[in-house]
Amino acid sequence: MDWNDILTLFIAADTLLNPKLALLGWLVWRLWKRREKS
């Protein structure tokens, strides 16, 4: 199990509780990963 799996599970659980917070976290994650590659 790597960080990607853990984060996916976290977002999935969070989406059930607070969709807006989960969406924000997902956007931040995408931006962070994109910055990491370049």
PDB file of N, CA and C in Angstrom:
ATOM      1  N   MET A   1       0.848  -1.199   0.000  1.00  0.00           N
ATOM      2  CA  MET A   1       0.000   0.000   0.000  1.00  0.00           C
ATOM      3  C   MET A   1       0.886   1.253   0.000  1.00  0.00           C
ATOM      4  N   ASP A   2       0.668   2.113  -0.983  1.00  0.00           N
ATOM      5  CA  ASP A   2       1.477   3.329  -1.037  1.00  0.00           C
ATOM      6  C   ASP A   2       0.628   4.556  -0.701  1.00  0.00           C
ATOM      7  N   TRP A   3       1.250   5.720  -0.771  1.00  0.00           N
ATOM      8  CA  TRP A   3       0.550   6.955  -0.399  1.00  0.00           C
ATOM      9  C   TRP A   3      -0.655   7.224  -1.286  1.00  0.00           C
ATOM     10  N   ASN A   4      -0.554   6.820  -2.561  1.00  0.00           N
ATOM     11  CA  ASN A   4      -1.655   7.064  -3.483  1.00  0.00           C
ATOM     12  C   ASN A   4      -2.899   6.303  -3.042  1.00  0.00           C
ATOM     13  N   ASP A   5      -2.711   5.032  -2.613  1.00  0.00           N
ATOM     14  CA  ASP A   5      -3.840   4.232  -2.143  1.00  0.00           C
ATOM     15  C   ASP A   5      -4.440   4.831  -0.885  1.00  0.00           C
ATOM     16  N   ILE A   6      -3.569   5.237   0.026  1.00  0.00           N
ATOM     17  CA  ILE A   6      -4.029   5.820   1.286  1.00  0.00           C
ATOM     18  C   ILE A   6      -4.831   7.085   1.029  1.00  0.00           C
ATOM     19  N   LEU A   7      -4.321   7.928   0.137  1.00  0.00           N
ATOM     20  CA  LEU A   7      -5.011   9.182  -0.152  1.00  0.00           C
ATOM     21  C   LEU A   7      -6.351   8.916  -0.824  1.00  0.00           C
ATOM     22  N   THR A   8      -6.392   7.923  -1.713  1.00  0.00           N
ATOM     23  CA  THR A   8      -7.638   7.583  -2.399  1.00  0.00           C
ATOM     24  C   THR A   8      -8.690   7.133  -1.392  1.00  0.00           C
ATOM     25  N   LEU A   9      -8.284   6.306  -0.439  1.00  0.00           N
ATOM     26  CA  LEU A   9      -9.209   5.839   0.591  1.00  0.00           C
ATOM     27  C   LEU A   9      -9.680   7.005   1.450  1.00  0.00           C
ATOM     28  N   PHE A  10      -8.754   7.901   1.777  1.00  0.00           N
ATOM     29  CA  PHE A  10      -9.081   9.060   2.602  1.00  0.00           C
ATOM     30  C   PHE A  10     -10.096   9.949   1.904  1.00  0.00           C
ATOM     31  N   ILE A  11      -9.865  10.212   0.613  1.00  0.00           N
ATOM     32  CA  ILE A  11     -10.780  11.059  -0.149  1.00  0.00           C
ATOM     33  C   ILE A  11     -12.138  10.380  -0.298  1.00  0.00           C
ATOM     34  N   ALA A  12     -12.136   9.072  -0.528  1.00  0.00           N
ATOM     35  CA  ALA A  12     -13.394   8.341  -0.679  1.00  0.00           C
ATOM     36  C   ALA A  12     -14.227   8.440   0.593  1.00  0.00           C
ATOM     37  N   ALA A  13     -13.588   8.263   1.744  1.00  0.00           N
ATOM     38  CA  ALA A  13     -14.297   8.366   3.014  1.00  0.00           C
ATOM     39  C   ALA A  13     -14.732   9.804   3.266  1.00  0.00           C
ATOM     40  N   ASP A  14     -13.862  10.750   2.927  1.00  0.00           N
ATOM     41  CA  ASP A  14     -14.147  12.155   3.154  1.00  0.00           C
ATOM     42  C   ASP A  14     -15.302  12.637   2.283  1.00  0.00           C
ATOM     43  N   THR A  15     -15.406  12.094   1.071  1.00  0.00           N
ATOM     44  CA  THR A  15     -16.468  12.500   0.155  1.00  0.00           C
ATOM     45  C   THR A  15     -17.837  12.222   0.765  1.00  0.00           C
ATOM     46  N   LEU A  16     -17.945  11.124   1.499  1.00  0.00           N
ATOM     47  CA  LEU A  16     -19.215  10.775   2.129  1.00  0.00           C
ATOM     48  C   LEU A  16     -19.578  11.770   3.224  1.00  0.00           C
ATOM     49  N   LEU A  17     -18.557  12.320   3.868  1.00  0.00           N
ATOM     50  CA  LEU A  17     -18.780  13.233   4.984  1.00  0.00           C
ATOM     51  C   LEU A  17     -18.883  14.682   4.529  1.00  0.00           C
ATOM     52  N   ASN A  18     -17.989  15.069   3.631  1.00  0.00           N
ATOM     53  CA  ASN A  18     -17.936  16.470   3.222  1.00  0.00           C
ATOM     54  C   ASN A  18     -17.416  16.579   1.784  1.00  0.00           C
ATOM     55  N   PRO A  19     -18.318  16.537   0.811  1.00  0.00           N
ATOM     56  CA  PRO A  19     -17.932  16.560  -0.608  1.00  0.00           C
ATOM     57  C   PRO A  19     -17.073  17.760  -0.990  1.00  0.00           C
ATOM     58  N   LYS A  20     -17.382  18.924  -0.444  1.00  0.00           N
ATOM     59  CA  LYS A  20     -16.625  20.122  -0.803  1.00  0.00           C
ATOM     60  C   LYS A  20     -15.179  20.017  -0.344  1.00  0.00           C
ATOM     61  N   LEU A  21     -14.973  19.519   0.869  1.00  0.00           N
ATOM     62  CA  LEU A  21     -13.621  19.377   1.403  1.00  0.00           C
ATOM     63  C   LEU A  21     -12.833  18.343   0.605  1.00  0.00           C
ATOM     64  N   ALA A  22     -13.508  17.266   0.228  1.00  0.00           N
ATOM     65  CA  ALA A  22     -12.852  16.216  -0.547  1.00  0.00           C
ATOM     66  C   ALA A  22     -12.436  16.739  -1.916  1.00  0.00           C
ATOM     67  N   LEU A  23     -13.298  17.532  -2.536  1.00  0.00           N
ATOM     68  CA  LEU A  23     -12.981  18.090  -3.852  1.00  0.00           C
ATOM     69  C   LEU A  23     -11.775  19.016  -3.766  1.00  0.00           C
ATOM     70  N   LEU A  24     -11.752  19.825  -2.717  1.00  0.00           N
ATOM     71  CA  LEU A  24     -10.627  20.740  -2.520  1.00  0.00           C
ATOM     72  C   LEU A  24      -9.328  19.954  -2.334  1.00  0.00           C
ATOM     73  N   GLY A  25      -9.393  18.909  -1.528  1.00  0.00           N
ATOM     74  CA  GLY A  25      -8.219  18.079  -1.291  1.00  0.00           C
ATOM     75  C   GLY A  25      -7.738  17.412  -2.573  1.00  0.00           C
ATOM     76  N   TRP A  26      -8.686  16.974  -3.401  1.00  0.00           N
ATOM     77  CA  TRP A  26      -8.334  16.327  -4.665  1.00  0.00           C
ATOM     78  C   TRP A  26      -7.643  17.302  -5.607  1.00  0.00           C
ATOM     79  N   LEU A  27      -8.149  18.515  -5.671  1.00  0.00           N
ATOM     80  CA  LEU A  27      -7.548  19.532  -6.535  1.00  0.00           C
ATOM     81  C   LEU A  27      -6.125  19.855  -6.086  1.00  0.00           C
ATOM     82  N   VAL A  28      -5.946  20.003  -4.771  1.00  0.00           N
ATOM     83  CA  VAL A  28      -4.614  20.286  -4.233  1.00  0.00           C
ATOM     84  C   VAL A  28      -3.666  19.134  -4.548  1.00  0.00           C
ATOM     85  N   TRP A  29      -4.170  17.915  -4.410  1.00  0.00           N
ATOM     86  CA  TRP A  29      -3.353  16.726  -4.691  1.00  0.00           C
ATOM     87  C   TRP A  29      -2.907  16.693  -6.145  1.00  0.00           C
ATOM     88  N   ARG A  30      -3.841  16.987  -7.064  1.00  0.00           N
ATOM     89  CA  ARG A  30      -3.518  16.987  -8.500  1.00  0.00           C
ATOM     90  C   ARG A  30      -2.464  18.045  -8.821  1.00  0.00           C
ATOM     91  N   LEU A  31      -2.629  19.230  -8.263  1.00  0.00           N
ATOM     92  CA  LEU A  31      -1.675  20.309  -8.507  1.00  0.00           C
ATOM     93  C   LEU A  31      -0.299  19.948  -7.957  1.00  0.00           C
ATOM     94  N   TRP A  32      -0.277  19.315  -6.788  1.00  0.00           N
ATOM     95  CA  TRP A  32       0.979  18.944  -6.144  1.00  0.00           C
ATOM     96  C   TRP A  32       1.721  17.893  -6.968  1.00  0.00           C
ATOM     97  N   LYS A  33       0.987  16.885  -7.443  1.00  0.00           N
ATOM     98  CA  LYS A  33       1.598  15.825  -8.232  1.00  0.00           C
ATOM     99  C   LYS A  33       2.126  16.369  -9.554  1.00  0.00           C
ATOM    100  N   ARG A  34       1.408  17.297 -10.145  1.00  0.00           N
ATOM    101  CA  ARG A  34       1.833  17.896 -11.408  1.00  0.00           C
ATOM    102  C   ARG A  34       3.124  18.688 -11.206  1.00  0.00           C
ATOM    103  N   ARG A  35       3.224  19.388 -10.080  1.00  0.00           N
ATOM    104  CA  ARG A  35       4.414  20.177  -9.776  1.00  0.00           C
ATOM    105  C   ARG A  35       5.601  19.255  -9.492  1.00  0.00           C
ATOM    106  N   GLU A  36       5.317  18.111  -8.891  1.00  0.00           N
ATOM    107  CA  GLU A  36       6.366  17.150  -8.557  1.00  0.00           C
ATOM    108  C   GLU A  36       7.015  16.592  -9.822  1.00  0.00           C
ATOM    109  N   LYS A  37       6.210  16.355 -10.855  1.00  0.00           N
ATOM    110  CA  LYS A  37       6.718  15.779 -12.105  1.00  0.00           C
ATOM    111  C   LYS A  37       7.638  16.754 -12.826  1.00  0.00           C
ATOM    112  N   SER A  38       7.246  18.008 -12.890  1.00  0.00           N
ATOM    113  CA  SER A  38       8.027  19.002 -13.624  1.00  0.00           C
ATOM    114  C   SER A  38       9.193  19.567 -12.812  1.00  0.00           C
TER     115      SER A  38
END
